Amino acid sequence: MEEAWGVYYRICPRCARAVPLASSERYCTNDGVRLLEACPGCGARITSPYARFCGRCGREFRLEARALEDKARQGGLG
């Protein structure tokens, strides 16, 4: 189900920097982490540049960054 309003954001799961979804940026310019376009738990689009949790399912966006960092430390990325 698509949200009714049309302003969406990408958010860095590490530093919480937000950019409009219409931007061409895919990685955070602060720390190089891939920006989230939607909640990794339920797929809801991010509708606030200040969001730290998903408004639909409540998942914390920083959990995604921690999981990727753990996987990289274990040699699972790259």
Protein backbone atom coordinates (compact mmCIF):
# COMPACT_ATOMS: atom_id res chain seq x y z
CA MET A 1 0.00 0.00 0.00
CA GLU A 2 1.48 3.34 -1.06
CA GLU A 3 1.38 6.40 1.19
CA ALA A 4 -0.89 9.23 0.07
CA TRP A 5 1.66 12.07 0.21
CA GLY A 6 4.58 12.39 -2.14
CA VAL A 7 7.65 13.69 -0.26
CA TYR A 8 9.94 10.80 0.63
CA TYR A 9 13.47 10.62 1.97
CA ARG A 10 16.58 8.47 2.06
CA ILE A 11 18.16 8.25 5.50
CA CYS A 12 21.61 7.21 6.62
CA PRO A 13 21.14 4.44 9.18
CA ARG A 14 24.42 5.41 10.87
CA CYS A 15 24.29 9.21 11.27
CA ALA A 16 20.60 9.88 10.41
CA ARG A 17 21.43 12.34 7.60
CA ALA A 18 18.42 12.67 5.30
CA VAL A 19 18.17 13.59 1.62
CA PRO A 20 15.06 13.81 -0.57
CA LEU A 21 14.30 10.60 -2.45
CA ALA A 22 14.45 12.63 -5.68
CA SER A 23 18.17 13.28 -5.02
CA SER A 24 20.70 11.21 -6.95
CA GLU A 25 22.64 10.45 -3.73
CA ARG A 26 22.68 6.76 -2.81
CA TYR A 27 25.43 6.84 -0.17
CA CYS A 28 25.88 9.12 2.83
CA THR A 29 28.45 11.83 2.19
CA ASN A 30 29.32 11.86 5.91
CA ASP A 31 30.34 8.21 6.32
CA GLY A 32 29.83 6.29 3.07
CA VAL A 33 26.96 4.09 4.27
CA ARG A 34 24.24 3.21 1.74
CA LEU A 35 21.14 5.31 2.41
CA LEU A 36 17.88 3.57 3.28
CA GLU A 37 15.05 4.31 0.82
CA ALA A 38 12.44 2.41 2.79
CA CYS A 39 12.05 0.51 6.03
CA PRO A 40 14.06 -2.73 5.80
CA GLY A 41 11.38 -4.42 7.91
CA CYS A 42 8.13 -3.63 6.13
CA GLY A 43 9.09 -1.63 3.03
CA ALA A 44 7.27 1.58 4.02
CA ARG A 45 8.76 4.69 2.47
CA ILE A 46 10.41 7.20 4.78
CA THR A 47 8.17 10.27 4.98
CA SER A 48 10.10 12.42 7.48
CA PRO A 49 13.71 13.65 7.34
CA TYR A 50 13.76 13.26 11.14
CA ALA A 51 12.56 9.63 11.26
CA ARG A 52 14.60 7.25 13.41
CA PHE A 53 11.94 4.54 13.52
CA CYS A 54 9.46 3.26 10.95
CA GLY A 55 6.03 4.81 11.36
CA ARG A 56 4.37 1.61 10.14
CA CYS A 57 6.16 -1.24 11.94
CA GLY A 58 8.31 0.57 14.53
CA ARG A 59 11.66 -0.83 13.38
CA GLU A 60 14.69 1.25 14.33
CA PHE A 61 16.61 2.29 11.21
CA ARG A 62 19.97 2.20 13.04
CA LEU A 63 19.57 -1.56 13.48
CA GLU A 64 20.18 -1.91 9.74
CA ALA A 65 23.55 -0.14 10.01
CA ARG A 66 24.60 -2.30 12.96
CA ALA A 67 23.71 -5.49 11.08
CA LEU A 68 25.74 -4.40 8.03
CA GLU A 69 28.72 -3.45 10.21
CA ASP A 70 28.61 -6.82 12.00
CA LYS A 71 28.47 -8.67 8.68
CA ALA A 72 31.43 -6.66 7.33
CA ARG A 73 33.49 -7.47 10.45
CA GLN A 74 32.78 -11.16 9.91
CA GLY A 75 33.98 -10.94 6.30
CA GLY A 76 30.52 -11.31 4.76
CA LEU A 77 30.62 -8.16 2.64
CA GLY A 78 32.79 -7.19 -0.28
